[in-house]
């Protein structure tokens, strides 16, 4: 950390020194007055002429040529240079002290002693803020954060400590640069714009980290309440929207400071956005459908769903702004556009209750005791661990078949994910229990009578 601070100090000193040297070049001597300069009386007489007398008729239309220049400045307006800074109390004191010792004549690297003293004072301001002021401010904020019951403010303060230091340094640099009288207004304006862009960037970064900390706090709070899965999509969408607004506002503020005409830029972006929206209607429809899915939450990440119109079902892996990814049971990734999902019926096997009822149909021979059959099947299903014991086992006599009585057996399982395996175990248990109880399960039979044609004629 000490090495970084030392390096930053040397870097700041080098920047200010190079800027000073670049502005310390002596100005070119002014052109000597010519011998043919006219007296002041002639100038007074020329100023009293009327426009028709002092300007030829063919030159009256010249101002019309300035219209293209105004059109070119619609998007980028040249900023006006600020007035020269008035010397402060400290600068005046330095000037008087140097004048008292007659040290304003000697120069080093093109700068007078007064300029070098002001440069060192500006650099001392930056070092003072970087070391003392930043430490006092961070120490005060840390004590205030420790007095609150939540630990999130301390974590947030720890994250933004470097950003606060650089924020104070940049503000001090702008003040230190502005007070240097030997720098040209053009260079001061350029450095001021650089400082402004960096300050806005640091503010956006701090707010970005604040959004992350608030999101973490809200998720932990919802997790304690047991509703984190229901609010996850809303939190994700809100976080993305706030981040987009932060970046947009930061870019607009920076462009406005650099001299761009924001109204003209917004008009140009509006026309371009209209053209893009017409060319990408399907993509925009998918994004709108994705926002609706995140807000309405017909399914969540990890849910097992079935899109009946597409005959696709599996586990939801990701819900994006344009598509939703579903992993099937055979480990295939199906990427479905959100607009397609919103147009079809969705069956959610996981939410709001993952418990699922399964049914199968069996046939028993006519003449069998239905009470015994129901008891045997119920005991067989109760012996399977995956079958829920707090849910009933239903055995319904549904129809009279051609060769057997058709019974429908229904039971409940904890999750639909194991439905096929449990169905296999249940069918096997029913078959073995029926065999041990000697209950006949007849196969479909068909009686075919064949008659000879001669016998038919005889009849």
Protein backbone atom coordinates (compact mmCIF):
# COMPACT_ATOMS: atom_id res chain seq x y z
CA UNK A 1 0.00 0.00 0.00
CA UNK A 2 2.87 2.39 0.82
CA UNK A 3 4.46 1.72 -2.58
CA UNK A 4 1.21 2.50 -4.35
CA UNK A 5 0.81 5.80 -2.48
CA UNK A 6 4.40 6.79 -3.25
CA UNK A 7 3.95 5.90 -6.91
CA UNK A 8 0.74 7.94 -7.13
CA UNK A 9 2.49 10.94 -5.57
CA UNK A 10 5.36 10.78 -8.04
CA UNK A 11 2.89 10.41 -10.90
CA UNK A 12 0.93 13.50 -9.82
CA UNK A 13 4.11 15.52 -9.47
CA UNK A 14 5.25 14.42 -12.92
CA UNK A 15 1.94 15.42 -14.51
CA UNK A 16 1.97 18.87 -12.95
CA UNK A 17 5.63 19.35 -13.81
CA UNK A 18 5.17 18.37 -17.46
CA UNK A 19 2.14 20.61 -17.73
CA UNK A 20 4.12 23.47 -16.27
CA UNK A 21 7.06 22.96 -18.62
CA UNK A 22 4.78 22.74 -21.64
CA UNK A 23 3.25 26.12 -20.78
CA UNK A 24 6.54 27.85 -19.88
CA UNK A 25 7.73 28.46 -23.44
CA UNK A 26 8.39 32.15 -24.04
CA UNK A 27 5.82 33.91 -26.16
CA UNK A 28 6.95 35.04 -29.63
CA UNK A 29 7.85 38.71 -29.84
CA UNK A 30 5.07 40.91 -31.04
CA UNK A 31 5.42 42.46 -34.47
CA UNK A 32 6.93 45.94 -34.37
CA UNK A 33 4.66 48.75 -35.35
CA UNK A 34 4.94 49.72 -38.99
CA UNK A 35 5.87 53.15 -40.06
CA UNK A 36 2.73 53.48 -42.14
CA UNK A 37 0.39 53.22 -39.17
CA UNK A 38 -2.38 55.77 -39.51
CA UNK A 39 -3.11 58.37 -36.88
CA UNK A 40 -5.93 58.00 -34.44
CA UNK A 41 -7.91 60.71 -36.20
CA UNK A 42 -8.18 58.63 -39.36
CA UNK A 43 -9.49 55.69 -37.37
CA UNK A 44 -12.08 57.94 -35.75
CA UNK A 45 -13.26 59.17 -39.12
CA UNK A 46 -13.47 55.60 -40.49
CA UNK A 47 -15.51 54.52 -37.51
CA UNK A 48 -18.03 57.30 -38.17
CA UNK A 49 -18.79 56.14 -41.69
CA UNK A 50 -22.09 54.52 -42.49
CA UNK A 51 -22.15 50.82 -43.48
CA UNK A 52 -23.03 51.72 -47.06
CA UNK A 53 -19.98 53.98 -47.35
CA UNK A 54 -17.41 51.69 -45.70
CA UNK A 55 -18.40 48.42 -47.39
CA UNK A 56 -18.86 47.62 -51.09
CA UNK A 57 -22.25 46.44 -52.28
CA UNK A 58 -21.00 43.05 -53.43
CA UNK A 59 -19.69 42.17 -49.94
CA UNK A 60 -22.95 42.65 -48.06
CA UNK A 61 -24.02 39.03 -48.52
CA UNK A 62 -20.91 37.53 -46.83
CA UNK A 63 -22.55 36.76 -43.45
CA UNK A 64 -24.74 34.15 -45.17
CA UNK A 65 -21.67 31.88 -45.48
CA UNK A 66 -21.66 31.27 -41.69
CA UNK A 67 -24.81 29.09 -41.79
CA UNK A 68 -23.00 25.77 -42.58
CA UNK A 69 -20.70 26.29 -39.59
CA UNK A 70 -23.73 26.60 -37.31
CA UNK A 71 -25.21 23.40 -38.73
CA UNK A 72 -22.00 21.49 -38.06
CA UNK A 73 -22.08 22.51 -34.39
CA UNK A 74 -25.47 20.95 -33.64
CA UNK A 75 -24.03 17.79 -32.10
CA UNK A 76 -20.76 19.14 -30.67
CA UNK A 77 -20.71 22.65 -29.24
CA UNK A 78 -17.29 24.19 -28.67
CA UNK A 79 -17.09 25.05 -24.95
CA UNK A 80 -16.30 28.62 -24.01
CA UNK A 81 -13.09 29.14 -22.11
CA UNK A 82 -13.61 30.20 -18.53
CA UNK A 83 -12.29 33.48 -17.21
CA UNK A 84 -8.79 33.64 -15.86
CA UNK A 85 -8.73 32.65 -12.21
CA UNK A 86 -8.18 35.49 -9.76
CA UNK A 87 -5.05 34.98 -7.66
CA UNK A 88 -5.91 33.77 -4.20
CA UNK A 89 -4.63 34.91 -0.86
CA UNK A 90 -1.88 32.27 -0.86
CA UNK A 91 -0.72 33.19 -4.37
CA UNK A 92 -0.61 36.88 -3.45
CA UNK A 93 1.41 36.07 -0.34
CA UNK A 94 3.88 34.04 -2.39
CA UNK A 95 4.22 36.89 -4.89
CA UNK A 96 4.91 39.40 -2.14
CA UNK A 97 7.44 37.10 -0.47
CA UNK A 98 9.32 36.52 -3.73
CA UNK A 99 9.23 40.21 -4.53
CA UNK A 100 10.62 41.03 -1.13
CA UNK A 101 13.73 38.91 -1.71
CA UNK A 102 14.07 39.97 -5.39
CA UNK A 103 13.86 36.36 -6.54
CA UNK A 104 11.45 36.80 -9.45
CA UNK A 105 14.13 37.21 -12.10
CA UNK A 106 15.93 33.79 -11.96
CA UNK A 107 14.10 30.96 -13.83
CA UNK A 108 14.46 27.19 -13.91
CA UNK A 109 13.04 25.14 -16.79
CA UNK A 110 11.20 28.23 -17.99
CA UNK A 111 9.42 28.90 -14.68
CA UNK A 112 10.08 31.65 -12.19
CA UNK A 113 10.61 30.96 -8.54
CA UNK A 114 7.08 32.13 -7.78
CA UNK A 115 5.65 29.53 -10.19
CA UNK A 116 7.74 26.73 -8.68
CA UNK A 117 6.59 27.65 -5.17
CA UNK A 118 2.93 27.63 -6.24
CA UNK A 119 3.48 24.28 -7.96
CA UNK A 120 4.94 22.78 -4.79
CA UNK A 121 2.07 24.20 -2.74
CA UNK A 122 -0.46 22.58 -5.08
CA UNK A 123 1.37 19.29 -4.84
CA UNK A 124 1.42 19.61 -1.03
CA UNK A 125 -2.37 20.05 -1.08
CA UNK A 126 -2.76 16.78 -2.96
CA UNK A 127 -0.44 14.88 -0.60
CA UNK A 128 -2.23 16.35 2.43
CA UNK A 129 -5.62 15.20 1.17
CA UNK A 130 -4.31 11.77 0.14
CA UNK A 131 -2.77 11.10 3.54
CA UNK A 132 -4.40 13.09 6.32
CA UNK A 133 -7.87 14.14 5.11
CA UNK A 134 -8.67 10.77 3.53
CA UNK A 135 -7.60 8.89 6.65
CA UNK A 136 -9.64 11.13 8.96
CA UNK A 137 -12.72 10.86 6.74
CA UNK A 138 -12.47 7.07 6.38
CA UNK A 139 -11.86 6.64 10.09
CA UNK A 140 -14.96 8.71 10.89
CA UNK A 141 -17.10 6.75 8.44
CA UNK A 142 -15.80 3.48 9.87
CA UNK A 143 -16.75 4.50 13.42
CA UNK A 144 -20.23 5.47 12.24
CA UNK A 145 -20.63 2.15 10.43
CA UNK A 146 -19.60 0.18 13.51
CA UNK A 147 -22.40 1.77 15.52
CA UNK A 148 -25.10 0.28 13.27
CA UNK A 149 -26.37 -3.28 13.94
CA UNK A 150 -26.01 -4.45 10.35
CA UNK A 151 -22.63 -5.55 8.94
CA UNK A 152 -23.48 -4.57 5.35
CA UNK A 153 -22.48 -0.91 5.73
CA UNK A 154 -19.03 -1.93 6.97
CA UNK A 155 -18.60 -4.26 3.98
CA UNK A 156 -19.72 -1.49 1.63
CA UNK A 157 -17.31 1.01 3.20
CA UNK A 158 -14.47 -1.47 2.83
CA UNK A 159 -15.28 -1.85 -0.87
CA UNK A 160 -15.32 1.88 -1.64
CA UNK A 161 -12.27 2.99 0.37
CA UNK A 162 -10.01 3.25 -2.72
CA UNK A 163 -12.75 5.09 -4.62
CA UNK A 164 -13.18 7.66 -1.83
CA UNK A 165 -9.43 8.32 -1.77
CA UNK A 166 -9.28 8.94 -5.52
CA UNK A 167 -12.43 11.06 -5.39
CA UNK A 168 -10.82 13.41 -2.85
CA UNK A 169 -7.56 13.44 -4.80
CA UNK A 170 -9.28 14.40 -8.06
CA UNK A 171 -11.21 17.24 -6.44
CA UNK A 172 -7.99 18.51 -4.85
CA UNK A 173 -6.16 18.20 -8.17
CA UNK A 174 -8.77 20.34 -9.87
CA UNK A 175 -8.38 23.03 -7.23
CA UNK A 176 -4.58 22.75 -7.32
CA UNK A 177 -4.52 23.07 -11.11
CA UNK A 178 -6.92 26.03 -11.17
CA UNK A 179 -4.78 28.12 -8.84
CA UNK A 180 -1.66 27.85 -11.03
CA UNK A 181 -1.47 31.14 -12.93
CA UNK A 182 1.21 30.08 -15.44
CA UNK A 183 -1.00 27.41 -17.05
CA UNK A 184 -2.92 28.46 -20.15
CA UNK A 185 -6.76 28.54 -20.11
CA UNK A 186 -6.85 25.84 -22.82
CA UNK A 187 -4.77 23.40 -20.76
CA UNK A 188 -6.79 24.15 -17.62
CA UNK A 189 -10.02 23.48 -19.47
CA UNK A 190 -8.68 20.18 -20.87
CA UNK A 191 -7.49 19.03 -17.44
CA UNK A 192 -10.80 20.10 -15.90
CA UNK A 193 -12.69 17.91 -18.38
CA UNK A 194 -10.40 14.97 -17.62
CA UNK A 195 -10.95 15.44 -13.88
CA UNK A 196 -14.71 15.68 -14.41
CA UNK A 197 -14.87 12.44 -16.42
CA UNK A 198 -12.83 10.61 -13.77
CA UNK A 199 -14.97 12.00 -10.92
CA UNK A 200 -18.21 10.95 -12.63
CA UNK A 201 -16.73 7.50 -13.28
CA UNK A 202 -15.84 7.10 -9.60
CA UNK A 203 -19.33 8.19 -8.55
CA UNK A 204 -20.90 5.64 -10.90
CA UNK A 205 -18.60 2.91 -9.53
CA UNK A 206 -19.53 3.79 -5.94
CA UNK A 207 -23.25 3.71 -6.77
CA UNK A 208 -22.76 0.41 -8.64
CA UNK A 209 -21.19 -1.12 -5.52
CA UNK A 210 -24.00 0.34 -3.42
CA UNK A 211 -26.56 -1.44 -5.62
CA UNK A 212 -24.64 -4.71 -5.18
CA UNK A 213 -24.60 -4.29 -1.39
CA UNK A 214 -28.32 -3.49 -1.28
CA UNK A 215 -29.05 -6.51 -3.47
CA UNK A 216 -27.04 -8.76 -1.14
CA UNK A 217 -28.85 -7.33 1.90
CA UNK A 218 -32.28 -7.84 0.32
CA UNK A 219 -31.49 -11.42 -0.74
CA UNK A 220 -30.34 -12.34 2.76
CA UNK A 221 -33.48 -10.78 4.19
CA UNK A 222 -35.74 -12.69 1.79
CA UNK A 223 -33.81 -15.90 2.49
CA UNK A 224 -34.52 -15.55 6.21
CA UNK A 225 -38.20 -15.13 5.39
CA UNK A 226 -38.14 -18.18 3.09
CA UNK A 227 -39.31 -16.33 -0.03
CA UNK A 228 -35.99 -15.85 -1.83
CA UNK A 229 -36.98 -18.09 -4.75
CA UNK A 230 -40.14 -16.09 -5.37
CA UNK A 231 -38.31 -12.74 -5.33
CA UNK A 232 -35.16 -13.78 -7.18
CA UNK A 233 -36.42 -12.80 -10.62
CA UNK A 234 -37.67 -9.41 -9.40
CA UNK A 235 -34.34 -8.70 -7.72
CA UNK A 236 -32.42 -9.66 -10.85
CA UNK A 237 -34.56 -7.48 -13.12
CA UNK A 238 -34.44 -4.51 -10.74
CA UNK A 239 -30.66 -4.75 -10.39
CA UNK A 240 -30.17 -4.79 -14.16
CA UNK A 241 -32.50 -1.83 -14.64
CA UNK A 242 -30.76 0.27 -11.97
CA UNK A 243 -27.32 -0.50 -13.41
CA UNK A 244 -28.48 0.50 -16.88
CA UNK A 245 -29.89 3.78 -15.54
CA UNK A 246 -26.61 4.52 -13.70
CA UNK A 247 -24.50 4.02 -16.81
CA UNK A 248 -26.92 6.01 -18.99
CA UNK A 249 -27.02 8.98 -16.62
CA UNK A 250 -23.23 8.95 -16.25
CA UNK A 251 -22.69 8.93 -20.03
CA UNK A 252 -25.21 11.76 -20.55
CA UNK A 253 -23.57 13.93 -17.85
CA UNK A 254 -20.10 13.35 -19.30
CA UNK A 255 -21.19 14.11 -22.87
CA UNK A 256 -22.98 17.27 -21.75
CA UNK A 257 -19.83 18.47 -19.96
CA UNK A 258 -17.70 17.77 -23.04
CA UNK A 259 -19.91 20.06 -25.12
CA UNK A 260 -22.23 17.62 -26.88
CA UNK A 261 -25.77 18.74 -27.63
CA UNK A 262 -27.79 16.18 -25.68
CA UNK A 263 -31.08 17.08 -27.35
CA UNK A 264 -29.62 16.50 -30.81
CA UNK A 265 -28.03 13.24 -29.66
CA UNK A 266 -31.31 12.00 -28.17
CA UNK A 267 -33.11 12.89 -31.40
CA UNK A 268 -30.53 10.99 -33.44
CA UNK A 269 -30.72 7.99 -31.09
CA UNK A 270 -34.52 8.11 -31.24
CA UNK A 271 -34.52 7.91 -35.04
CA UNK A 272 -31.91 5.16 -34.95
CA UNK A 273 -33.85 3.30 -32.27
CA UNK A 274 -37.00 3.44 -34.39
CA UNK A 275 -35.14 1.96 -37.34
CA UNK A 276 -33.62 -0.77 -35.16
CA UNK A 277 -36.98 -1.61 -33.57
CA UNK A 278 -38.56 -2.06 -37.01
CA UNK A 279 -35.70 -4.31 -38.13
CA UNK A 280 -35.56 -6.36 -34.91
CA UNK A 281 -39.20 -6.82 -33.96
CA UNK A 282 -38.75 -10.48 -33.07
CA UNK A 283 -35.79 -9.77 -30.80
CA UNK A 284 -37.66 -6.98 -29.02
CA UNK A 285 -40.70 -9.27 -28.62
CA UNK A 286 -38.45 -11.91 -27.02
CA UNK A 287 -36.99 -9.33 -24.63
CA UNK A 288 -40.43 -8.07 -23.60
CA UNK A 289 -41.58 -11.65 -23.07
CA UNK A 290 -38.46 -12.29 -20.98
CA UNK A 291 -39.29 -9.33 -18.73
CA UNK A 292 -42.87 -10.60 -18.36
CA UNK A 293 -41.60 -14.09 -17.45
CA UNK A 294 -39.24 -12.63 -14.84
CA UNK A 295 -42.03 -10.53 -13.35
CA UNK A 296 -44.90 -13.04 -13.56
CA UNK A 297 -42.74 -16.08 -12.65
CA UNK A 298 -44.70 -18.92 -14.25
CA UNK A 299 -41.55 -20.95 -13.66
CA UNK A 300 -38.15 -20.44 -12.05
CA UNK A 301 -34.63 -21.74 -12.51
CA UNK A 302 -34.60 -25.39 -11.42
CA UNK A 303 -38.30 -26.04 -12.08
CA UNK A 304 -39.36 -28.96 -14.26
CA UNK A 305 -41.76 -27.68 -16.88
CA UNK A 306 -43.48 -28.89 -20.02
CA UNK A 307 -44.24 -26.65 -23.00
CA UNK A 308 -47.15 -28.50 -24.51
CA UNK A 309 -47.22 -26.67 -27.83
CA UNK A 310 -43.58 -27.64 -28.47
CA UNK A 311 -43.69 -31.08 -26.82
CA UNK A 312 -40.61 -30.05 -24.81
CA UNK A 313 -40.11 -30.67 -21.13
CA UNK A 314 -37.21 -30.69 -18.72
CA UNK A 315 -35.47 -28.64 -16.04
CA UNK A 316 -35.08 -24.87 -16.45
CA UNK A 317 -31.40 -23.96 -16.45
CA UNK A 318 -31.47 -20.23 -17.20
CA UNK A 319 -34.02 -17.50 -17.90
CA UNK A 320 -32.46 -14.84 -20.10
CA UNK A 321 -33.76 -11.64 -21.60
CA UNK A 322 -34.19 -13.28 -25.03
CA UNK A 323 -34.27 -17.06 -24.53
CA UNK A 324 -34.88 -19.70 -21.87
CA UNK A 325 -32.64 -22.78 -21.63
CA UNK A 326 -34.19 -26.14 -20.70
CA UNK A 327 -32.21 -29.32 -20.05
CA UNK A 328 -34.09 -32.48 -20.97
CA UNK A 329 -33.75 -35.83 -19.18
CA UNK A 330 -31.45 -37.12 -21.91
CA UNK A 331 -29.06 -34.22 -21.15
CA UNK A 332 -29.94 -32.12 -24.19
CA UNK A 333 -30.06 -28.33 -23.96
CA UNK A 334 -33.15 -26.86 -25.62
CA UNK A 335 -33.03 -23.09 -26.21
CA UNK A 336 -36.54 -21.69 -26.59
CA UNK A 337 -37.32 -18.03 -27.48
CA UNK A 338 -39.28 -16.29 -24.75
CA UNK A 339 -41.97 -15.11 -27.15
CA UNK A 340 -42.63 -18.75 -28.12
CA UNK A 341 -43.01 -19.73 -24.47
CA UNK A 342 -45.48 -16.92 -23.82
CA UNK A 343 -47.69 -18.16 -26.67
CA UNK A 344 -47.96 -21.76 -25.38
CA UNK A 345 -49.41 -23.48 -22.36
CA UNK A 346 -46.85 -24.29 -19.67
CA UNK A 347 -47.17 -27.11 -17.16
CA UNK A 348 -45.02 -26.60 -14.06
CA UNK A 349 -44.38 -29.89 -12.22
CA UNK A 350 -42.38 -28.24 -9.42
CA UNK A 351 -44.09 -25.01 -8.42
CA UNK A 352 -46.01 -24.31 -6.22
CA UNK A 353 -46.11 -27.90 -4.85
CA UNK A 354 -43.59 -30.48 -6.12
CA UNK A 355 -45.67 -33.44 -4.91
CA UNK A 356 -47.14 -35.37 -7.78
CA UNK A 357 -49.84 -38.00 -8.21
CA UNK A 358 -49.19 -40.96 -10.52
CA UNK A 359 -51.68 -43.49 -11.78
CA UNK A 360 -51.68 -46.81 -13.61
CA UNK A 361 -54.35 -49.26 -14.73
CA UNK A 362 -54.47 -53.02 -14.18
CA UNK A 363 -56.97 -55.74 -15.00
CA UNK A 364 -58.19 -58.53 -12.68
CA UNK A 365 -60.24 -61.55 -13.61
CA UNK A 366 -64.01 -61.53 -13.29
CA UNK A 367 -65.09 -63.18 -10.06
CA UNK A 368 -62.18 -61.82 -8.00
CA UNK A 369 -62.88 -60.34 -4.57
CA UNK A 370 -62.47 -56.56 -5.03
CA UNK A 371 -61.94 -55.98 -1.30
CA UNK A 372 -59.05 -58.43 -1.27
CA UNK A 373 -57.63 -56.90 -4.44
CA UNK A 374 -57.73 -53.37 -2.93
CA UNK A 375 -56.08 -54.58 0.28
CA UNK A 376 -53.31 -56.43 -1.54
CA UNK A 377 -52.51 -53.46 -3.79
CA UNK A 378 -52.58 -50.99 -0.89
CA UNK A 379 -50.18 -53.08 1.19
CA UNK A 380 -47.86 -53.44 -1.80
CA UNK A 381 -47.70 -49.62 -2.31
CA UNK A 382 -47.24 -48.88 1.40
CA UNK A 383 -44.10 -50.99 1.34
CA UNK A 384 -42.39 -48.61 -1.13
CA UNK A 385 -40.40 -45.81 0.47
CA UNK A 386 -40.97 -43.27 -2.32
CA UNK A 387 -44.76 -43.42 -1.98
CA UNK A 388 -46.05 -40.74 0.41
CA UNK A 389 -47.72 -42.24 3.47
CA UNK A 390 -49.70 -39.10 4.32
CA UNK A 391 -51.53 -39.25 1.01
CA UNK A 392 -54.22 -41.86 0.19
CA UNK A 393 -53.82 -44.74 -2.25
CA UNK A 394 -56.87 -44.76 -4.48
CA UNK A 395 -58.03 -47.97 -6.23
CA UNK A 396 -61.02 -47.29 -8.48
CA UNK A 397 -63.08 -49.78 -10.49
CA UNK A 398 -63.26 -47.86 -13.76
CA UNK A 399 -64.82 -50.18 -16.41
CA UNK A 400 -65.73 -53.68 -17.48
CA UNK A 401 -63.17 -54.84 -19.93
CA UNK A 402 -63.50 -57.57 -22.53
CA UNK A 403 -61.70 -60.12 -20.40
CA UNK A 404 -61.01 -58.35 -17.06
CA UNK A 405 -62.21 -55.72 -14.63
CA UNK A 406 -60.17 -52.50 -15.15
CA UNK A 407 -58.88 -50.91 -11.93
CA UNK A 408 -57.15 -47.53 -11.76
CA UNK A 409 -54.47 -47.26 -9.05
CA UNK A 410 -53.34 -43.76 -7.93
CA UNK A 411 -50.61 -42.78 -5.45
CA UNK A 412 -48.52 -39.70 -4.50
CA UNK A 413 -44.76 -39.16 -4.69
CA UNK A 414 -42.50 -36.41 -3.31
CA UNK A 415 -41.29 -35.09 -6.67
CA UNK A 416 -42.07 -35.57 -10.31
CA UNK A 417 -38.38 -36.09 -11.08
CA UNK A 418 -38.54 -39.74 -9.93
CA UNK A 419 -41.97 -40.49 -11.42
CA UNK A 420 -40.79 -43.05 -13.96
CA UNK A 421 -38.57 -44.98 -11.56
CA UNK A 422 -41.29 -45.08 -8.92
CA UNK A 423 -43.86 -46.25 -11.49
CA UNK A 424 -41.55 -49.13 -12.36
CA UNK A 425 -41.18 -50.11 -8.69
CA UNK A 426 -44.92 -49.85 -8.08
CA UNK A 427 -45.83 -52.00 -11.08
CA UNK A 428 -43.34 -54.64 -10.01
CA UNK A 429 -44.64 -54.63 -6.41
CA UNK A 430 -48.27 -54.95 -7.57
CA UNK A 431 -47.45 -57.81 -9.91
CA UNK A 432 -45.61 -59.78 -7.20
CA UNK A 433 -48.30 -59.13 -4.58
CA UNK A 434 -51.08 -60.24 -6.93
CA UNK A 435 -49.16 -63.40 -7.81
CA UNK A 436 -48.59 -64.28 -4.14
CA UNK A 437 -52.27 -63.69 -3.37
CA UNK A 438 -53.17 -65.88 -6.38
CA UNK A 439 -55.30 -63.16 -7.92
CA UNK A 440 -55.58 -63.72 -11.63
CA UNK A 441 -54.64 -60.93 -13.97
CA UNK A 442 -55.90 -62.29 -17.30
CA UNK A 443 -54.44 -61.17 -20.56
CA UNK A 444 -56.80 -59.97 -23.30
CA UNK A 445 -58.37 -62.96 -25.12
CA UNK A 446 -60.15 -63.22 -28.43
CA UNK A 447 -62.21 -66.23 -29.60
CA UNK A 448 -62.13 -66.89 -33.33
CA UNK A 449 -64.59 -69.37 -34.89
CA UNK A 450 -63.66 -70.90 -38.24
CA UNK A 451 -66.35 -72.56 -40.35
CA UNK A 452 -65.90 -74.61 -43.50
CA UNK A 453 -67.68 -73.28 -46.56
CA UNK A 454 -69.23 -76.72 -47.24
CA UNK A 455 -70.62 -76.88 -43.74
CA UNK A 456 -72.03 -73.39 -44.25
CA UNK A 457 -73.77 -74.52 -47.46
CA UNK A 458 -75.07 -77.65 -45.76
CA UNK A 459 -76.52 -75.52 -43.00
